[in-house]
Amino acid sequence: MKTFLNFCILIWNIIRVFFKKHHALLTIPAAILLFILSIPVLRWFDPTAAVFDAGKFQFIIFPMIMLFSFSAITWIYFNIVFGTFSNYLKTKMKSDFNAITSWERIRLVYTSFLFIVLVLVCLAKIIS
């Protein structure tokens, strides 16, 4: 029993360190958990509902799951493809970011992040 407990603690520490380093990926388990928890909630409201019911409750839950997943995928894509810019964001962006005006900050952050989200949403629309 002690060996199993030590193994569980070891796995928990590995997962915790991984999500501390890659905090954007935490939204994927949150999306999966939201989907799993939505099943009993849907059955509680409507016992005849299927798991993939296109009713009004799934209309709220599925876009939330997609948003969590797309934001995580966006940061993964951002770190892989734009590695130099990602390193710049982690190291020198804070000092440069404080040097520009507030409207330039807002425009820079939202433009780069929402463009990648828009591309992923368009791809999901094409796929489905």
C-alpha atoms as a PDB file:
ATOM      1  CA  MET A   1       0.000   0.000   0.000  1.00  0.00           C
ATOM      2  CA  LYS A   2       2.849   2.347   0.826  1.00  0.00           C
ATOM      3  CA  THR A   3       4.439   1.692  -2.567  1.00  0.00           C
ATOM      4  CA  PHE A   4       1.196   2.501  -4.346  1.00  0.00           C
ATOM      5  CA  LEU A   5       0.806   5.705  -2.349  1.00  0.00           C
ATOM      6  CA  ASN A   6       4.385   6.746  -3.187  1.00  0.00           C
ATOM      7  CA  PHE A   7       3.705   5.990  -6.838  1.00  0.00           C
ATOM      8  CA  CYS A   8       0.552   8.146  -6.788  1.00  0.00           C
ATOM      9  CA  ILE A   9       2.439  10.995  -5.127  1.00  0.00           C
ATOM     10  CA  LEU A  10       5.192  10.708  -7.732  1.00  0.00           C
ATOM     11  CA  ILE A  11       2.671  10.830 -10.600  1.00  0.00           C
ATOM     12  CA  TRP A  12       0.892  13.775  -8.984  1.00  0.00           C
ATOM     13  CA  ASN A  13       4.186  15.693  -8.677  1.00  0.00           C
ATOM     14  CA  ILE A  14       5.075  14.994 -12.314  1.00  0.00           C
ATOM     15  CA  ILE A  15       1.663  16.203 -13.489  1.00  0.00           C
ATOM     16  CA  ARG A  16       1.856  19.269 -11.242  1.00  0.00           C
ATOM     17  CA  VAL A  17       5.319  20.246 -12.515  1.00  0.00           C
ATOM     18  CA  PHE A  18       4.225  19.690 -16.122  1.00  0.00           C
ATOM     19  CA  PHE A  19       1.172  21.936 -15.782  1.00  0.00           C
ATOM     20  CA  LYS A  20       3.222  24.547 -13.922  1.00  0.00           C
ATOM     21  CA  LYS A  21       5.580  24.708 -16.884  1.00  0.00           C
ATOM     22  CA  HIS A  22       2.852  24.468 -19.548  1.00  0.00           C
ATOM     23  CA  HIS A  23      -0.006  26.243 -17.794  1.00  0.00           C
ATOM     24  CA  ALA A  24      -1.934  26.867 -21.026  1.00  0.00           C
ATOM     25  CA  LEU A  25      -2.514  23.117 -21.372  1.00  0.00           C
ATOM     26  CA  LEU A  26      -4.518  23.055 -18.156  1.00  0.00           C
ATOM     27  CA  THR A  27      -7.608  24.023 -20.133  1.00  0.00           C
ATOM     28  CA  ILE A  28      -7.691  20.664 -21.943  1.00  0.00           C
ATOM     29  CA  PRO A  29      -8.289  18.604 -18.766  1.00  0.00           C
ATOM     30  CA  ALA A  30     -10.757  21.302 -17.710  1.00  0.00           C
ATOM     31  CA  ALA A  31     -12.642  20.837 -20.988  1.00  0.00           C
ATOM     32  CA  ILE A  32     -12.674  17.052 -20.581  1.00  0.00           C
ATOM     33  CA  LEU A  33     -13.850  17.377 -16.997  1.00  0.00           C
ATOM     34  CA  LEU A  34     -16.580  19.801 -18.078  1.00  0.00           C
ATOM     35  CA  PHE A  35     -17.777  17.324 -20.689  1.00  0.00           C
ATOM     36  CA  ILE A  36     -17.795  14.406 -18.230  1.00  0.00           C
ATOM     37  CA  LEU A  37     -19.642  16.421 -15.597  1.00  0.00           C
ATOM     38  CA  SER A  38     -22.164  17.690 -18.136  1.00  0.00           C
ATOM     39  CA  ILE A  39     -23.548  14.182 -18.736  1.00  0.00           C
ATOM     40  CA  PRO A  40     -25.171  13.712 -15.292  1.00  0.00           C
ATOM     41  CA  VAL A  41     -26.334  17.323 -15.272  1.00  0.00           C
ATOM     42  CA  LEU A  42     -28.071  16.824 -18.635  1.00  0.00           C
ATOM     43  CA  ARG A  43     -29.629  13.568 -17.423  1.00  0.00           C
ATOM     44  CA  TRP A  44     -30.849  15.339 -14.300  1.00  0.00           C
ATOM     45  CA  PHE A  45     -32.612  18.036 -16.350  1.00  0.00           C
ATOM     46  CA  ASP A  46     -33.843  15.708 -19.085  1.00  0.00           C
ATOM     47  CA  PRO A  47     -33.742  11.937 -18.466  1.00  0.00           C
ATOM     48  CA  THR A  48     -34.405  11.223 -22.141  1.00  0.00           C
ATOM     49  CA  ALA A  49     -31.456  13.323 -23.371  1.00  0.00           C
ATOM     50  CA  ALA A  50     -28.585  11.622 -25.128  1.00  0.00           C
ATOM     51  CA  VAL A  51     -24.978  12.396 -24.255  1.00  0.00           C
ATOM     52  CA  PHE A  52     -24.512  14.312 -27.508  1.00  0.00           C
ATOM     53  CA  ASP A  53     -27.897  15.953 -27.386  1.00  0.00           C
ATOM     54  CA  ALA A  54     -28.165  19.097 -29.484  1.00  0.00           C
ATOM     55  CA  GLY A  55     -30.531  20.676 -27.013  1.00  0.00           C
ATOM     56  CA  LYS A  56     -30.243  23.962 -25.239  1.00  0.00           C
ATOM     57  CA  PHE A  57     -27.891  22.711 -22.500  1.00  0.00           C
ATOM     58  CA  GLN A  58     -25.339  21.270 -24.915  1.00  0.00           C
ATOM     59  CA  PHE A  59     -25.537  24.512 -26.865  1.00  0.00           C
ATOM     60  CA  ILE A  60     -23.891  26.163 -23.849  1.00  0.00           C
ATOM     61  CA  ILE A  61     -21.464  23.392 -22.880  1.00  0.00           C
ATOM     62  CA  PHE A  62     -19.947  22.540 -26.279  1.00  0.00           C
ATOM     63  CA  PRO A  63     -18.801  26.094 -27.100  1.00  0.00           C
ATOM     64  CA  MET A  64     -17.176  26.297 -23.661  1.00  0.00           C
ATOM     65  CA  ILE A  65     -15.334  23.040 -24.298  1.00  0.00           C
ATOM     66  CA  MET A  66     -14.286  24.259 -27.734  1.00  0.00           C
ATOM     67  CA  LEU A  67     -13.055  27.553 -26.281  1.00  0.00           C
ATOM     68  CA  PHE A  68     -10.951  25.756 -23.656  1.00  0.00           C
ATOM     69  CA  SER A  69      -9.539  23.372 -26.251  1.00  0.00           C
ATOM     70  CA  PHE A  70      -8.881  26.044 -28.864  1.00  0.00           C
ATOM     71  CA  SER A  71      -7.114  28.325 -26.413  1.00  0.00           C
ATOM     72  CA  ALA A  72      -4.803  25.481 -25.352  1.00  0.00           C
ATOM     73  CA  ILE A  73      -4.161  24.487 -28.956  1.00  0.00           C
ATOM     74  CA  THR A  74      -3.510  28.129 -29.801  1.00  0.00           C
ATOM     75  CA  TRP A  75      -0.775  28.414 -27.179  1.00  0.00           C
ATOM     76  CA  ILE A  76       0.753  25.080 -28.239  1.00  0.00           C
ATOM     77  CA  TYR A  77       0.789  26.258 -31.846  1.00  0.00           C
ATOM     78  CA  PHE A  78       2.125  29.650 -30.799  1.00  0.00           C
ATOM     79  CA  ASN A  79       5.022  28.077 -28.868  1.00  0.00           C
ATOM     80  CA  ILE A  80       5.915  25.613 -31.626  1.00  0.00           C
ATOM     81  CA  VAL A  81       5.649  27.766 -34.733  1.00  0.00           C
ATOM     82  CA  PHE A  82       6.576  31.135 -33.291  1.00  0.00           C
ATOM     83  CA  GLY A  83       9.263  29.881 -30.902  1.00  0.00           C
ATOM     84  CA  THR A  84      11.350  33.047 -31.132  1.00  0.00           C
ATOM     85  CA  PHE A  85       8.350  35.240 -30.429  1.00  0.00           C
ATOM     86  CA  SER A  86       7.318  32.896 -27.619  1.00  0.00           C
ATOM     87  CA  ASN A  87      10.775  33.203 -26.031  1.00  0.00           C
ATOM     88  CA  TYR A  88      10.556  36.961 -26.472  1.00  0.00           C
ATOM     89  CA  LEU A  89       7.187  36.933 -24.695  1.00  0.00           C
ATOM     90  CA  LYS A  90       8.709  35.027 -21.791  1.00  0.00           C
ATOM     91  CA  THR A  91      11.928  37.046 -21.447  1.00  0.00           C
ATOM     92  CA  LYS A  92      11.965  40.598 -22.825  1.00  0.00           C
ATOM     93  CA  MET A  93       8.332  41.371 -23.508  1.00  0.00           C
ATOM     94  CA  LYS A  94       7.637  42.717 -20.029  1.00  0.00           C
ATOM     95  CA  SER A  95      10.088  45.611 -20.300  1.00  0.00           C
ATOM     96  CA  ASP A  96       9.131  46.393 -23.890  1.00  0.00           C
ATOM     97  CA  PHE A  97       5.457  46.000 -23.105  1.00  0.00           C
ATOM     98  CA  ASN A  98       5.661  48.578 -20.320  1.00  0.00           C
ATOM     99  CA  ALA A  99       7.323  51.049 -22.713  1.00  0.00           C
ATOM    100  CA  ILE A 100       4.390  51.214 -25.159  1.00  0.00           C
ATOM    101  CA  THR A 101       1.054  52.918 -24.661  1.00  0.00           C
ATOM    102  CA  SER A 102      -1.940  51.055 -23.289  1.00  0.00           C
ATOM    103  CA  TRP A 103      -3.888  50.928 -26.557  1.00  0.00           C
ATOM    104  CA  GLU A 104      -0.855  49.459 -28.326  1.00  0.00           C
ATOM    105  CA  ARG A 105      -0.613  46.792 -25.633  1.00  0.00           C
ATOM    106  CA  ILE A 106      -4.228  45.817 -26.011  1.00  0.00           C
ATOM    107  CA  ARG A 107      -4.002  45.749 -29.789  1.00  0.00           C
ATOM    108  CA  LEU A 108      -0.844  43.640 -29.789  1.00  0.00           C
ATOM    109  CA  VAL A 109      -2.109  41.001 -27.391  1.00  0.00           C
ATOM    110  CA  TYR A 110      -5.600  40.641 -28.797  1.00  0.00           C
ATOM    111  CA  THR A 111      -4.540  40.745 -32.425  1.00  0.00           C
ATOM    112  CA  SER A 112      -1.985  37.975 -32.157  1.00  0.00           C
ATOM    113  CA  PHE A 113      -3.982  35.685 -29.897  1.00  0.00           C
ATOM    114  CA  LEU A 114      -7.396  36.140 -31.492  1.00  0.00           C
ATOM    115  CA  PHE A 115      -6.004  35.700 -34.994  1.00  0.00           C
ATOM    116  CA  ILE A 116      -4.800  32.207 -34.140  1.00  0.00           C
ATOM    117  CA  VAL A 117      -8.092  31.425 -32.373  1.00  0.00           C
ATOM    118  CA  LEU A 118      -9.965  32.637 -35.458  1.00  0.00           C
ATOM    119  CA  VAL A 119      -7.912  30.373 -37.686  1.00  0.00           C
ATOM    120  CA  LEU A 120      -8.639  27.378 -35.455  1.00  0.00           C
ATOM    121  CA  VAL A 121     -12.354  28.174 -35.335  1.00  0.00           C
ATOM    122  CA  CYS A 122     -12.437  28.425 -39.138  1.00  0.00           C
ATOM    123  CA  LEU A 123     -10.666  25.102 -39.396  1.00  0.00           C
ATOM    124  CA  ALA A 124     -13.134  23.496 -36.999  1.00  0.00           C
ATOM    125  CA  LYS A 125     -16.017  24.886 -39.031  1.00  0.00           C
ATOM    126  CA  ILE A 126     -14.525  23.444 -42.218  1.00  0.00           C
ATOM    127  CA  ILE A 127     -13.907  20.045 -40.600  1.00  0.00           C
ATOM    128  CA  SER A 128     -17.402  19.715 -39.127  1.00  0.00           C
END
